[in-house]
Full PDB file with SEQRES, HELIX, SHEET, SSBOND, CRYST1, ORIGX, SCALE, CONECT and MASTER records, all heavy atoms in Angstrom:
SEQRES   1 A   39  GLN LYS TRP PRO TRP ALA PHE GLY GLY SER TYR PRO TRP          
SEQRES   2 A   39  TRP LYS TYR PHE GLN ARG PRO GLU PRO THR ILE ARG GLU          
SEQRES   3 A   39  PHE ARG GLN LEU GLU ARG HIS LEU THR ASN ASP ALA GLY          
HELIX    1 AA1 TRP A   13  PHE A   17  1                                   5    
HELIX    2 AA2 ILE A   24  HIS A   33  1                                  10    
CRYST1    1.000    1.000    1.000  90.00  90.00  90.00 P 1           1          
ORIGX1      1.000000  0.000000  0.000000        0.00000                         
ORIGX2      0.000000  1.000000  0.000000        0.00000                         
ORIGX3      0.000000  0.000000  1.000000        0.00000                         
SCALE1      1.000000  0.000000  0.000000        0.00000                         
SCALE2      0.000000  1.000000  0.000000        0.00000                         
SCALE3      0.000000  0.000000  1.000000        0.00000                         
ATOM      1  N   GLN A   1      -0.509  -2.557   1.471  1.00  0.00           N  
ATOM      2  CA  GLN A   1      -0.674  -2.254   2.904  1.00  0.00           C  
ATOM      3  C   GLN A   1       0.128  -1.057   3.343  1.00  0.00           C  
ATOM      4  O   GLN A   1       0.941  -0.536   2.526  1.00  0.00           O  
ATOM      5  CB  GLN A   1      -0.268  -3.506   3.693  1.00  0.00           C  
ATOM      6  CG  GLN A   1      -1.141  -4.715   3.482  1.00  0.00           C  
ATOM      7  CD  GLN A   1      -0.564  -5.965   4.160  1.00  0.00           C  
ATOM      8  OE1 GLN A   1       0.525  -6.413   3.844  1.00  0.00           O  
ATOM      9  NE2 GLN A   1      -1.309  -6.528   5.085  1.00  0.00           N  
ATOM     10  N   LYS A   2      -0.093  -0.648   4.521  1.00  0.00           N  
ATOM     11  CA  LYS A   2       0.691   0.456   5.077  1.00  0.00           C  
ATOM     12  C   LYS A   2       2.087   0.036   5.422  1.00  0.00           C  
ATOM     13  O   LYS A   2       3.078   0.697   5.169  1.00  0.00           O  
ATOM     14  CB  LYS A   2      -0.037   1.036   6.330  1.00  0.00           C  
ATOM     15  CG  LYS A   2       0.742   2.082   7.055  1.00  0.00           C  
ATOM     16  CD  LYS A   2      -0.079   2.584   8.244  1.00  0.00           C  
ATOM     17  CE  LYS A   2       0.717   3.644   9.013  1.00  0.00           C  
ATOM     18  NZ  LYS A   2      -0.073   4.184  10.150  1.00  0.00           N  
ATOM     19  N   TRP A   3       2.214  -1.153   6.024  1.00  0.00           N  
ATOM     20  CA  TRP A   3       3.490  -1.617   6.561  1.00  0.00           C  
ATOM     21  C   TRP A   3       4.063  -2.769   5.649  1.00  0.00           C  
ATOM     22  O   TRP A   3       3.337  -3.596   5.181  1.00  0.00           O  
ATOM     23  CB  TRP A   3       3.350  -2.165   7.949  1.00  0.00           C  
ATOM     24  CG  TRP A   3       2.882  -1.155   8.958  1.00  0.00           C  
ATOM     25  CD1 TRP A   3       1.617  -0.933   9.337  1.00  0.00           C  
ATOM     26  CD2 TRP A   3       3.670  -0.283   9.684  1.00  0.00           C  
ATOM     27  NE1 TRP A   3       1.551   0.065  10.240  1.00  0.00           N  
ATOM     28  CE2 TRP A   3       2.869   0.495  10.520  1.00  0.00           C  
ATOM     29  CE3 TRP A   3       5.055  -0.036   9.721  1.00  0.00           C  
ATOM     30  CZ2 TRP A   3       3.298   1.498  11.366  1.00  0.00           C  
ATOM     31  CZ3 TRP A   3       5.531   0.963  10.593  1.00  0.00           C  
ATOM     32  CH2 TRP A   3       4.658   1.745  11.357  1.00  0.00           C  
ATOM     33  N   PRO A   4       5.347  -2.770   5.396  1.00  0.00           N  
ATOM     34  CA  PRO A   4       5.905  -3.872   4.654  1.00  0.00           C  
ATOM     35  C   PRO A   4       6.156  -5.079   5.625  1.00  0.00           C  
ATOM     36  O   PRO A   4       6.244  -4.903   6.853  1.00  0.00           O  
ATOM     37  CB  PRO A   4       7.332  -3.309   4.235  1.00  0.00           C  
ATOM     38  CG  PRO A   4       7.649  -2.279   5.291  1.00  0.00           C  
ATOM     39  CD  PRO A   4       6.332  -1.715   5.741  1.00  0.00           C  
ATOM     40  N   TRP A   5       6.213  -6.264   5.064  1.00  0.00           N  
ATOM     41  CA  TRP A   5       6.448  -7.422   5.862  1.00  0.00           C  
ATOM     42  C   TRP A   5       7.882  -7.565   6.253  1.00  0.00           C  
ATOM     43  O   TRP A   5       8.202  -8.295   7.248  1.00  0.00           O  
ATOM     44  CB  TRP A   5       6.028  -8.657   5.060  1.00  0.00           C  
ATOM     45  CG  TRP A   5       4.556  -8.746   4.877  1.00  0.00           C  
ATOM     46  CD1 TRP A   5       3.585  -7.955   5.449  1.00  0.00           C  
ATOM     47  CD2 TRP A   5       3.822  -9.710   4.079  1.00  0.00           C  
ATOM     48  NE1 TRP A   5       2.363  -8.327   5.032  1.00  0.00           N  
ATOM     49  CE2 TRP A   5       2.457  -9.395   4.165  1.00  0.00           C  
ATOM     50  CE3 TRP A   5       4.208 -10.754   3.247  1.00  0.00           C  
ATOM     51  CZ2 TRP A   5       1.478 -10.145   3.530  1.00  0.00           C  
ATOM     52  CZ3 TRP A   5       3.246 -11.494   2.599  1.00  0.00           C  
ATOM     53  CH2 TRP A   5       1.870 -11.200   2.730  1.00  0.00           C  
ATOM     54  N   ALA A   6       8.814  -6.939   5.582  1.00  0.00           N  
ATOM     55  CA  ALA A   6      10.224  -7.024   5.887  1.00  0.00           C  
ATOM     56  C   ALA A   6      10.825  -5.619   5.856  1.00  0.00           C  
ATOM     57  O   ALA A   6      10.636  -4.908   4.834  1.00  0.00           O  
ATOM     58  CB  ALA A   6      10.910  -7.976   4.950  1.00  0.00           C  
ATOM     59  N   PHE A   7      11.471  -5.235   6.866  1.00  0.00           N  
ATOM     60  CA  PHE A   7      12.137  -3.945   6.926  1.00  0.00           C  
ATOM     61  C   PHE A   7      13.595  -4.147   6.516  1.00  0.00           C  
ATOM     62  O   PHE A   7      14.284  -5.104   6.937  1.00  0.00           O  
ATOM     63  CB  PHE A   7      12.082  -3.336   8.328  1.00  0.00           C  
ATOM     64  CG  PHE A   7      10.688  -2.921   8.776  1.00  0.00           C  
ATOM     65  CD1 PHE A   7       9.840  -3.909   9.347  1.00  0.00           C  
ATOM     66  CD2 PHE A   7      10.258  -1.638   8.555  1.00  0.00           C  
ATOM     67  CE1 PHE A   7       8.596  -3.525   9.781  1.00  0.00           C  
ATOM     68  CE2 PHE A   7       8.978  -1.339   8.967  1.00  0.00           C  
ATOM     69  CZ  PHE A   7       8.160  -2.269   9.575  1.00  0.00           C  
ATOM     70  N   GLY A   8      14.102  -3.180   5.773  1.00  0.00           N  
ATOM     71  CA  GLY A   8      15.484  -3.267   5.274  1.00  0.00           C  
ATOM     72  C   GLY A   8      16.109  -1.929   5.109  1.00  0.00           C  
ATOM     73  O   GLY A   8      15.375  -0.921   4.992  1.00  0.00           O  
ATOM     74  N   GLY A   9      17.414  -1.902   5.048  1.00  0.00           N  
ATOM     75  CA  GLY A   9      18.119  -0.604   4.805  1.00  0.00           C  
ATOM     76  C   GLY A   9      18.017   0.288   6.000  1.00  0.00           C  
ATOM     77  O   GLY A   9      17.817  -0.130   7.134  1.00  0.00           O  
ATOM     78  N   SER A  10      18.181   1.576   5.751  1.00  0.00           N  
ATOM     79  CA  SER A  10      18.143   2.589   6.818  1.00  0.00           C  
ATOM     80  C   SER A  10      16.873   3.454   6.716  1.00  0.00           C  
ATOM     81  O   SER A  10      16.888   4.581   7.143  1.00  0.00           O  
ATOM     82  CB  SER A  10      19.404   3.472   6.722  1.00  0.00           C  
ATOM     83  OG  SER A  10      19.421   4.072   5.415  1.00  0.00           O  
ATOM     84  N   TYR A  11      15.805   2.860   6.234  1.00  0.00           N  
ATOM     85  CA  TYR A  11      14.594   3.630   6.065  1.00  0.00           C  
ATOM     86  C   TYR A  11      14.050   3.992   7.459  1.00  0.00           C  
ATOM     87  O   TYR A  11      13.800   3.076   8.250  1.00  0.00           O  
ATOM     88  CB  TYR A  11      13.576   2.857   5.279  1.00  0.00           C  
ATOM     89  CG  TYR A  11      12.407   3.661   4.737  1.00  0.00           C  
ATOM     90  CD1 TYR A  11      12.511   4.322   3.515  1.00  0.00           C  
ATOM     91  CD2 TYR A  11      11.228   3.801   5.426  1.00  0.00           C  
ATOM     92  CE1 TYR A  11      11.473   5.071   3.030  1.00  0.00           C  
ATOM     93  CE2 TYR A  11      10.188   4.543   4.954  1.00  0.00           C  
ATOM     94  CZ  TYR A  11      10.291   5.179   3.733  1.00  0.00           C  
ATOM     95  OH  TYR A  11       9.261   5.903   3.275  1.00  0.00           O  
ATOM     96  N   PRO A  12      13.847   5.249   7.757  1.00  0.00           N  
ATOM     97  CA  PRO A  12      13.322   5.663   9.119  1.00  0.00           C  
ATOM     98  C   PRO A  12      11.902   5.067   9.363  1.00  0.00           C  
ATOM     99  O   PRO A  12      11.062   5.124   8.536  1.00  0.00           O  
ATOM    100  CB  PRO A  12      13.296   7.162   9.060  1.00  0.00           C  
ATOM    101  CG  PRO A  12      14.193   7.517   7.932  1.00  0.00           C  
ATOM    102  CD  PRO A  12      14.055   6.437   6.921  1.00  0.00           C  
ATOM    103  N   TRP A  13      11.754   4.527  10.598  1.00  0.00           N  
ATOM    104  CA  TRP A  13      10.507   3.845  10.893  1.00  0.00           C  
ATOM    105  C   TRP A  13       9.319   4.868  10.909  1.00  0.00           C  
ATOM    106  O   TRP A  13       8.207   4.494  10.682  1.00  0.00           O  
ATOM    107  CB  TRP A  13      10.613   3.168  12.273  1.00  0.00           C  
ATOM    108  CG  TRP A  13      10.827   4.129  13.425  1.00  0.00           C  
ATOM    109  CD1 TRP A  13      12.001   4.535  13.914  1.00  0.00           C  
ATOM    110  CD2 TRP A  13       9.807   4.739  14.183  1.00  0.00           C  
ATOM    111  NE1 TRP A  13      11.839   5.428  14.934  1.00  0.00           N  
ATOM    112  CE2 TRP A  13      10.493   5.593  15.124  1.00  0.00           C  
ATOM    113  CE3 TRP A  13       8.422   4.784  14.180  1.00  0.00           C  
ATOM    114  CZ2 TRP A  13       9.778   6.348  16.069  1.00  0.00           C  
ATOM    115  CZ3 TRP A  13       7.771   5.535  15.115  1.00  0.00           C  
ATOM    116  CH2 TRP A  13       8.433   6.322  16.030  1.00  0.00           C  
ATOM    117  N   TRP A  14       9.607   6.121  11.239  1.00  0.00           N  
ATOM    118  CA  TRP A  14       8.517   7.080  11.358  1.00  0.00           C  
ATOM    119  C   TRP A  14       7.862   7.389   9.998  1.00  0.00           C  
ATOM    120  O   TRP A  14       6.731   7.830   9.901  1.00  0.00           O  
ATOM    121  CB  TRP A  14       8.956   8.354  12.013  1.00  0.00           C  
ATOM    122  CG  TRP A  14      10.114   9.076  11.336  1.00  0.00           C  
ATOM    123  CD1 TRP A  14      10.000   9.947  10.267  1.00  0.00           C  
ATOM    124  CD2 TRP A  14      11.509   8.960  11.574  1.00  0.00           C  
ATOM    125  NE1 TRP A  14      11.263  10.376   9.915  1.00  0.00           N  
ATOM    126  CE2 TRP A  14      12.176   9.774  10.726  1.00  0.00           C  
ATOM    127  CE3 TRP A  14      12.229   8.207  12.547  1.00  0.00           C  
ATOM    128  CZ2 TRP A  14      13.572   9.895  10.719  1.00  0.00           C  
ATOM    129  CZ3 TRP A  14      13.604   8.310  12.584  1.00  0.00           C  
ATOM    130  CH2 TRP A  14      14.291   9.130  11.655  1.00  0.00           C  
ATOM    131  N   LYS A  15       8.640   7.143   8.884  1.00  0.00           N  
ATOM    132  CA  LYS A  15       8.043   7.329   7.597  1.00  0.00           C  
ATOM    133  C   LYS A  15       6.982   6.241   7.283  1.00  0.00           C  
ATOM    134  O   LYS A  15       5.993   6.541   6.672  1.00  0.00           O  
ATOM    135  CB  LYS A  15       9.121   7.284   6.504  1.00  0.00           C  
ATOM    136  CG  LYS A  15      10.024   8.537   6.511  1.00  0.00           C  
ATOM    137  CD  LYS A  15      10.902   8.609   5.275  1.00  0.00           C  
ATOM    138  CE  LYS A  15      11.733   9.871   5.221  1.00  0.00           C  
ATOM    139  NZ  LYS A  15      12.586   9.943   4.008  1.00  0.00           N  
ATOM    140  N   TYR A  16       7.239   5.041   7.785  1.00  0.00           N  
ATOM    141  CA  TYR A  16       6.213   3.981   7.666  1.00  0.00           C  
ATOM    142  C   TYR A  16       5.037   4.383   8.541  1.00  0.00           C  
ATOM    143  O   TYR A  16       3.875   4.177   8.165  1.00  0.00           O  
ATOM    144  CB  TYR A  16       6.781   2.636   8.168  1.00  0.00           C  
ATOM    145  CG  TYR A  16       7.859   2.015   7.262  1.00  0.00           C  
ATOM    146  CD1 TYR A  16       9.200   1.968   7.660  1.00  0.00           C  
ATOM    147  CD2 TYR A  16       7.498   1.533   6.017  1.00  0.00           C  
ATOM    148  CE1 TYR A  16      10.116   1.354   6.873  1.00  0.00           C  
ATOM    149  CE2 TYR A  16       8.476   0.937   5.194  1.00  0.00           C  
ATOM    150  CZ  TYR A  16       9.749   0.849   5.614  1.00  0.00           C  
ATOM    151  OH  TYR A  16      10.708   0.293   4.803  1.00  0.00           O  
ATOM    152  N   PHE A  17       5.278   4.875   9.708  1.00  0.00           N  
ATOM    153  CA  PHE A  17       4.233   5.194  10.652  1.00  0.00           C  
ATOM    154  C   PHE A  17       3.295   6.294  10.077  1.00  0.00           C  
ATOM    155  O   PHE A  17       2.074   6.313  10.314  1.00  0.00           O  
ATOM    156  CB  PHE A  17       4.798   5.668  11.975  1.00  0.00           C  
ATOM    157  CG  PHE A  17       3.825   5.883  13.040  1.00  0.00           C  
ATOM    158  CD1 PHE A  17       3.254   4.820  13.728  1.00  0.00           C  
ATOM    159  CD2 PHE A  17       3.383   7.177  13.393  1.00  0.00           C  
ATOM    160  CE1 PHE A  17       2.281   5.006  14.745  1.00  0.00           C  
ATOM    161  CE2 PHE A  17       2.440   7.399  14.383  1.00  0.00           C  
ATOM    162  CZ  PHE A  17       1.914   6.342  15.069  1.00  0.00           C  
ATOM    163  N   GLN A  18       3.880   7.208   9.274  1.00  0.00           N  
ATOM    164  CA  GLN A  18       3.143   8.315   8.780  1.00  0.00           C  
ATOM    165  C   GLN A  18       2.352   7.954   7.483  1.00  0.00           C  
ATOM    166  O   GLN A  18       1.618   8.814   7.004  1.00  0.00           O  
ATOM    167  CB  GLN A  18       4.059   9.505   8.454  1.00  0.00           C  
ATOM    168  CG  GLN A  18       4.625  10.152   9.743  1.00  0.00           C  
ATOM    169  CD  GLN A  18       5.755  11.139   9.428  1.00  0.00           C  
ATOM    170  OE1 GLN A  18       6.141  11.325   8.278  1.00  0.00           O  
ATOM    171  NE2 GLN A  18       6.214  11.860  10.444  1.00  0.00           N  
ATOM    172  N   ARG A  19       2.534   6.809   6.978  1.00  0.00           N  
ATOM    173  CA  ARG A  19       1.840   6.388   5.751  1.00  0.00           C  
ATOM    174  C   ARG A  19       0.339   6.285   6.014  1.00  0.00           C  
ATOM    175  O   ARG A  19      -0.075   5.844   7.059  1.00  0.00           O  
ATOM    176  CB  ARG A  19       2.381   5.047   5.238  1.00  0.00           C  
ATOM    177  CG  ARG A  19       3.733   5.093   4.607  1.00  0.00           C  
ATOM    178  CD  ARG A  19       4.190   3.693   4.258  1.00  0.00           C  
ATOM    179  NE  ARG A  19       5.444   3.670   3.429  1.00  0.00           N  
ATOM    180  CZ  ARG A  19       5.946   2.616   2.975  1.00  0.00           C  
ATOM    181  NH1 ARG A  19       5.397   1.406   3.134  1.00  0.00           N  
ATOM    182  NH2 ARG A  19       7.022   2.690   2.208  1.00  0.00           N  
ATOM    183  N   PRO A  20      -0.453   6.641   5.014  1.00  0.00           N  
ATOM    184  CA  PRO A  20      -1.947   6.422   5.152  1.00  0.00           C  
ATOM    185  C   PRO A  20      -2.324   5.008   4.931  1.00  0.00           C  
ATOM    186  O   PRO A  20      -1.638   4.231   4.249  1.00  0.00           O  
ATOM    187  CB  PRO A  20      -2.522   7.341   4.082  1.00  0.00           C  
ATOM    188  CG  PRO A  20      -1.435   7.340   2.995  1.00  0.00           C  
ATOM    189  CD  PRO A  20      -0.153   7.313   3.778  1.00  0.00           C  
ATOM    190  N   GLU A  21      -3.440   4.562   5.538  1.00  0.00           N  
ATOM    191  CA  GLU A  21      -3.936   3.256   5.342  1.00  0.00           C  
ATOM    192  C   GLU A  21      -4.667   3.160   3.961  1.00  0.00           C  
ATOM    193  O   GLU A  21      -5.206   4.156   3.484  1.00  0.00           O  
ATOM    194  CB  GLU A  21      -4.958   2.900   6.460  1.00  0.00           C  
ATOM    195  CG  GLU A  21      -4.413   2.753   7.847  1.00  0.00           C  
ATOM    196  CD  GLU A  21      -3.741   1.359   8.038  1.00  0.00           C  
ATOM    197  OE1 GLU A  21      -3.843   0.547   7.077  1.00  0.00           O  
ATOM    198  OE2 GLU A  21      -3.135   1.135   9.118  1.00  0.00           O  
ATOM    199  N   PRO A  22      -4.617   1.988   3.308  1.00  0.00           N  
ATOM    200  CA  PRO A  22      -5.383   1.801   2.059  1.00  0.00           C  
ATOM    201  C   PRO A  22      -6.875   2.065   2.344  1.00  0.00           C  
ATOM    202  O   PRO A  22      -7.392   1.720   3.441  1.00  0.00           O  
ATOM    203  CB  PRO A  22      -5.124   0.379   1.715  1.00  0.00           C  
ATOM    204  CG  PRO A  22      -3.871   0.039   2.327  1.00  0.00           C  
ATOM    205  CD  PRO A  22      -3.813   0.802   3.677  1.00  0.00           C  
ATOM    206  N   THR A  23      -7.528   2.650   1.382  1.00  0.00           N  
ATOM    207  CA  THR A  23      -8.935   3.028   1.595  1.00  0.00           C  
ATOM    208  C   THR A  23      -9.807   2.351   0.565  1.00  0.00           C  
ATOM    209  O   THR A  23      -9.367   1.800  -0.426  1.00  0.00           O  
ATOM    210  CB  THR A  23      -9.132   4.558   1.414  1.00  0.00           C  
ATOM    211  OG1 THR A  23      -8.801   4.985   0.074  1.00  0.00           O  
ATOM    212  CG2 THR A  23      -8.272   5.333   2.402  1.00  0.00           C  
ATOM    213  N   ILE A  24     -11.141   2.416   0.775  1.00  0.00           N  
ATOM    214  CA  ILE A  24     -12.084   1.816  -0.156  1.00  0.00           C  
ATOM    215  C   ILE A  24     -12.054   2.534  -1.474  1.00  0.00           C  
ATOM    216  O   ILE A  24     -12.272   1.931  -2.525  1.00  0.00           O  
ATOM    217  CB  ILE A  24     -13.522   1.853   0.503  1.00  0.00           C  
ATOM    218  CG1 ILE A  24     -14.515   1.052  -0.366  1.00  0.00           C  
ATOM    219  CG2 ILE A  24     -13.991   3.239   0.682  1.00  0.00           C  
ATOM    220  CD1 ILE A  24     -14.265  -0.435  -0.406  1.00  0.00           C  
ATOM    221  N   ARG A  25     -11.792   3.846  -1.473  1.00  0.00           N  
ATOM    222  CA  ARG A  25     -11.701   4.600  -2.748  1.00  0.00           C  
ATOM    223  C   ARG A  25     -10.532   4.112  -3.594  1.00  0.00           C  
ATOM    224  O   ARG A  25     -10.684   3.905  -4.809  1.00  0.00           O  
ATOM    225  CB  ARG A  25     -11.523   6.077  -2.357  1.00  0.00           C  
ATOM    226  CG  ARG A  25     -11.213   6.979  -3.609  1.00  0.00           C  
ATOM    227  CD  ARG A  25     -11.137   8.450  -3.248  1.00  0.00           C  
ATOM    228  NE  ARG A  25     -10.525   9.209  -4.308  1.00  0.00           N  
ATOM    229  CZ  ARG A  25      -9.232   9.449  -4.457  1.00  0.00           C  
ATOM    230  NH1 ARG A  25      -8.380   8.979  -3.558  1.00  0.00           N  
ATOM    231  NH2 ARG A  25      -8.833  10.178  -5.456  1.00  0.00           N  
ATOM    232  N   GLU A  26      -9.374   3.871  -2.908  1.00  0.00           N  
ATOM    233  CA  GLU A  26      -8.218   3.373  -3.668  1.00  0.00           C  
ATOM    234  C   GLU A  26      -8.508   1.938  -4.179  1.00  0.00           C  
ATOM    235  O   GLU A  26      -8.112   1.634  -5.336  1.00  0.00           O  
ATOM    236  CB  GLU A  26      -7.016   3.330  -2.741  1.00  0.00           C  
ATOM    237  CG  GLU A  26      -6.507   4.728  -2.387  1.00  0.00           C  
ATOM    238  CD  GLU A  26      -5.536   4.728  -1.217  1.00  0.00           C  
ATOM    239  OE1 GLU A  26      -5.405   3.700  -0.550  1.00  0.00           O  
ATOM    240  OE2 GLU A  26      -4.847   5.763  -0.996  1.00  0.00           O  
ATOM    241  N   PHE A  27      -9.225   1.164  -3.387  1.00  0.00           N  
ATOM    242  CA  PHE A  27      -9.613  -0.184  -3.893  1.00  0.00           C  
ATOM    243  C   PHE A  27     -10.486  -0.125  -5.086  1.00  0.00           C  
ATOM    244  O   PHE A  27     -10.296  -0.890  -6.061  1.00  0.00           O  
ATOM    245  CB  PHE A  27     -10.300  -0.945  -2.755  1.00  0.00           C  
ATOM    246  CG  PHE A  27     -11.048  -2.179  -3.220  1.00  0.00           C  
ATOM    247  CD1 PHE A  27     -10.356  -3.275  -3.738  1.00  0.00           C  
ATOM    248  CD2 PHE A  27     -12.426  -2.214  -3.250  1.00  0.00           C  
ATOM    249  CE1 PHE A  27     -11.036  -4.396  -4.152  1.00  0.00           C  
ATOM    250  CE2 PHE A  27     -13.129  -3.316  -3.690  1.00  0.00           C  
ATOM    251  CZ  PHE A  27     -12.410  -4.420  -4.139  1.00  0.00           C  
ATOM    252  N   ARG A  28     -11.451   0.811  -5.101  1.00  0.00           N  
ATOM    253  CA  ARG A  28     -12.325   0.929  -6.252  1.00  0.00           C  
ATOM    254  C   ARG A  28     -11.573   1.367  -7.515  1.00  0.00           C  
ATOM    255  O   ARG A  28     -11.871   0.849  -8.603  1.00  0.00           O  
ATOM    256  CB  ARG A  28     -13.423   1.934  -5.958  1.00  0.00           C  
ATOM    257  CG  ARG A  28     -14.398   1.612  -4.818  1.00  0.00           C  
ATOM    258  CD  ARG A  28     -15.157   0.334  -5.072  1.00  0.00           C  
ATOM    259  NE  ARG A  28     -16.049   0.052  -4.005  1.00  0.00           N  
ATOM    260  CZ  ARG A  28     -16.615  -1.162  -3.823  1.00  0.00           C  
ATOM    261  NH1 ARG A  28     -16.320  -2.154  -4.634  1.00  0.00           N  
ATOM    262  NH2 ARG A  28     -17.486  -1.357  -2.821  1.00  0.00           N  
ATOM    263  N   GLN A  29     -10.583   2.241  -7.330  1.00  0.00           N  
ATOM    264  CA  GLN A  29      -9.790   2.635  -8.457  1.00  0.00           C  
ATOM    265  C   GLN A  29      -8.968   1.492  -8.994  1.00  0.00           C  
ATOM    266  O   GLN A  29      -8.844   1.268 -10.232  1.00  0.00           O  
ATOM    267  CB  GLN A  29      -8.797   3.795  -8.074  1.00  0.00           C  
ATOM    268  CG  GLN A  29      -9.528   5.105  -7.747  1.00  0.00           C  
ATOM    269  CD  GLN A  29     -10.163   5.696  -9.051  1.00  0.00           C  
ATOM    270  OE1 GLN A  29      -9.605   5.621 -10.085  1.00  0.00           O  
ATOM    271  NE2 GLN A  29     -11.309   6.284  -8.836  1.00  0.00           N  
ATOM    272  N   LEU A  30      -8.364   0.668  -8.122  1.00  0.00           N  
ATOM    273  CA  LEU A  30      -7.597  -0.472  -8.561  1.00  0.00           C  
ATOM    274  C   LEU A  30      -8.524  -1.469  -9.247  1.00  0.00           C  
ATOM    275  O   LEU A  30      -8.163  -2.073 -10.272  1.00  0.00           O  
ATOM    276  CB  LEU A  30      -6.886  -1.149  -7.373  1.00  0.00           C  
ATOM    277  CG  LEU A  30      -5.686  -0.364  -6.790  1.00  0.00           C  
ATOM    278  CD1 LEU A  30      -5.281  -0.980  -5.421  1.00  0.00           C  
ATOM    279  CD2 LEU A  30      -4.499  -0.447  -7.741  1.00  0.00           C  
ATOM    280  N   GLU A  31      -9.670  -1.738  -8.642  1.00  0.00           N  
ATOM    281  CA  GLU A  31     -10.629  -2.718  -9.202  1.00  0.00           C  
ATOM    282  C   GLU A  31     -11.055  -2.281 -10.605  1.00  0.00           C  
ATOM    283  O   GLU A  31     -11.296  -3.105 -11.480  1.00  0.00           O  
ATOM    284  CB  GLU A  31     -11.824  -2.805  -8.255  1.00  0.00           C  
ATOM    285  CG  GLU A  31     -12.802  -3.933  -8.612  1.00  0.00           C  
ATOM    286  CD  GLU A  31     -13.929  -4.067  -7.584  1.00  0.00           C  
ATOM    287  OE1 GLU A  31     -14.403  -2.981  -7.153  1.00  0.00           O  
ATOM    288  OE2 GLU A  31     -14.305  -5.181  -7.243  1.00  0.00           O  
ATOM    289  N   ARG A  32     -11.218  -0.972 -10.785  1.00  0.00           N  
ATOM    290  CA  ARG A  32     -11.744  -0.438 -12.047  1.00  0.00           C  
ATOM    291  C   ARG A  32     -10.618  -0.450 -13.161  1.00  0.00           C  
ATOM    292  O   ARG A  32     -10.930  -0.673 -14.319  1.00  0.00           O  
ATOM    293  CB  ARG A  32     -12.288   0.994 -11.821  1.00  0.00           C  
ATOM    294  CG  ARG A  32     -12.963   1.581 -13.081  1.00  0.00           C  
ATOM    295  CD  ARG A  32     -13.515   2.971 -12.767  1.00  0.00           C  
ATOM    296  NE  ARG A  32     -14.546   2.886 -11.699  1.00  0.00           N  
ATOM    297  CZ  ARG A  32     -14.382   3.401 -10.512  1.00  0.00           C  
ATOM    298  NH1 ARG A  32     -13.320   4.089 -10.181  1.00  0.00           N  
ATOM    299  NH2 ARG A  32     -15.327   3.330  -9.604  1.00  0.00           N  
ATOM    300  N   HIS A  33      -9.415  -0.174 -12.790  1.00  0.00           N  
ATOM    301  CA  HIS A  33      -8.351   0.043 -13.827  1.00  0.00           C  
ATOM    302  C   HIS A  33      -7.352  -1.073 -14.045  1.00  0.00           C  
ATOM    303  O   HIS A  33      -6.639  -1.055 -15.032  1.00  0.00           O  
ATOM    304  CB  HIS A  33      -7.616   1.372 -13.504  1.00  0.00           C  
ATOM    305  CG  HIS A  33      -8.461   2.598 -13.561  1.00  0.00           C  
ATOM    306  ND1 HIS A  33      -8.914   3.259 -12.386  1.00  0.00           N  
ATOM    307  CD2 HIS A  33      -8.929   3.252 -14.598  1.00  0.00           C  
ATOM    308  CE1 HIS A  33      -9.657   4.272 -12.806  1.00  0.00           C  
ATOM    309  NE2 HIS A  33      -9.695   4.352 -14.117  1.00  0.00           N  
ATOM    310  N   LEU A  34      -7.270  -2.036 -13.165  1.00  0.00           N  
ATOM    311  CA  LEU A  34      -6.296  -3.127 -13.288  1.00  0.00           C  
ATOM    312  C   LEU A  34      -6.694  -4.033 -14.476  1.00  0.00           C  
ATOM    313  O   LEU A  34      -7.931  -4.313 -14.644  1.00  0.00           O  
ATOM    314  CB  LEU A  34      -6.226  -3.950 -12.046  1.00  0.00           C  
ATOM    315  CG  LEU A  34      -5.380  -3.343 -10.840  1.00  0.00           C  
ATOM    316  CD1 LEU A  34      -5.528  -4.183  -9.606  1.00  0.00           C  
ATOM    317  CD2 LEU A  34      -3.972  -3.142 -11.216  1.00  0.00           C  
ATOM    318  N   THR A  35      -5.752  -4.431 -15.266  1.00  0.00           N  
ATOM    319  CA  THR A  35      -6.023  -5.279 -16.423  1.00  0.00           C  
ATOM    320  C   THR A  35      -5.281  -6.625 -16.298  1.00  0.00           C  
ATOM    321  O   THR A  35      -5.592  -7.545 -17.062  1.00  0.00           O  
ATOM    322  CB  THR A  35      -5.524  -4.545 -17.755  1.00  0.00           C  
ATOM    323  OG1 THR A  35      -4.139  -4.310 -17.622  1.00  0.00           O  
ATOM    324  CG2 THR A  35      -6.352  -3.322 -17.935  1.00  0.00           C  
ATOM    325  N   ASN A  36      -4.252  -6.702 -15.411  1.00  0.00           N  
ATOM    326  CA  ASN A  36      -3.488  -7.974 -15.370  1.00  0.00           C  
ATOM    327  C   ASN A  36      -3.835  -8.791 -14.141  1.00  0.00           C  
ATOM    328  O   ASN A  36      -3.059  -9.708 -13.764  1.00  0.00           O  
ATOM    329  CB  ASN A  36      -1.985  -7.631 -15.360  1.00  0.00           C  
ATOM    330  CG  ASN A  36      -1.490  -7.100 -16.651  1.00  0.00           C  
ATOM    331  OD1 ASN A  36      -1.804  -7.678 -17.690  1.00  0.00           O  
ATOM    332  ND2 ASN A  36      -0.807  -5.927 -16.581  1.00  0.00           N  
ATOM    333  N   ASP A  37      -4.986  -8.547 -13.497  1.00  0.00           N  
ATOM    334  CA  ASP A  37      -5.319  -9.272 -12.270  1.00  0.00           C  
ATOM    335  C   ASP A  37      -6.429 -10.318 -12.573  1.00  0.00           C  
ATOM    336  O   ASP A  37      -7.137 -10.219 -13.513  1.00  0.00           O  
ATOM    337  CB  ASP A  37      -5.785  -8.338 -11.196  1.00  0.00           C  
ATOM    338  CG  ASP A  37      -7.152  -7.700 -11.568  1.00  0.00           C  
ATOM    339  OD1 ASP A  37      -7.283  -7.187 -12.685  1.00  0.00           O  
ATOM    340  OD2 ASP A  37      -8.057  -7.688 -10.678  1.00  0.00           O  
ATOM    341  N   ALA A  38      -6.511 -11.266 -11.628  1.00  0.00           N  
ATOM    342  CA  ALA A  38      -7.531 -12.292 -11.723  1.00  0.00           C  
ATOM    343  C   ALA A  38      -8.634 -12.003 -10.692  1.00  0.00           C  
ATOM    344  O   ALA A  38      -9.640 -12.716 -10.639  1.00  0.00           O  
ATOM    345  CB  ALA A  38      -6.979 -13.717 -11.463  1.00  0.00           C  
ATOM    346  N   GLY A  39      -8.499 -10.955  -9.924  1.00  0.00           N  
ATOM    347  CA  GLY A  39      -9.469 -10.611  -8.910  1.00  0.00           C  
ATOM    348  C   GLY A  39      -8.815  -9.755  -7.847  1.00  0.00           C  
ATOM    349  O   GLY A  39      -7.605  -9.835  -7.585  1.00  0.00           O  
TER     350      GLY A  39                                                      
MASTER        0    0    0    2    0    0    0    6  349    1    0    3          
END                                                                             
């Protein structure tokens, strides 16, 4: 995901805000290349 479930340390919040959202293209790449997953 874009955002972590728990914030910790002194990581600036705006760096989280500037992160891109996961995309369908990234999902296809993970689906194609992962070997240790069950789905």
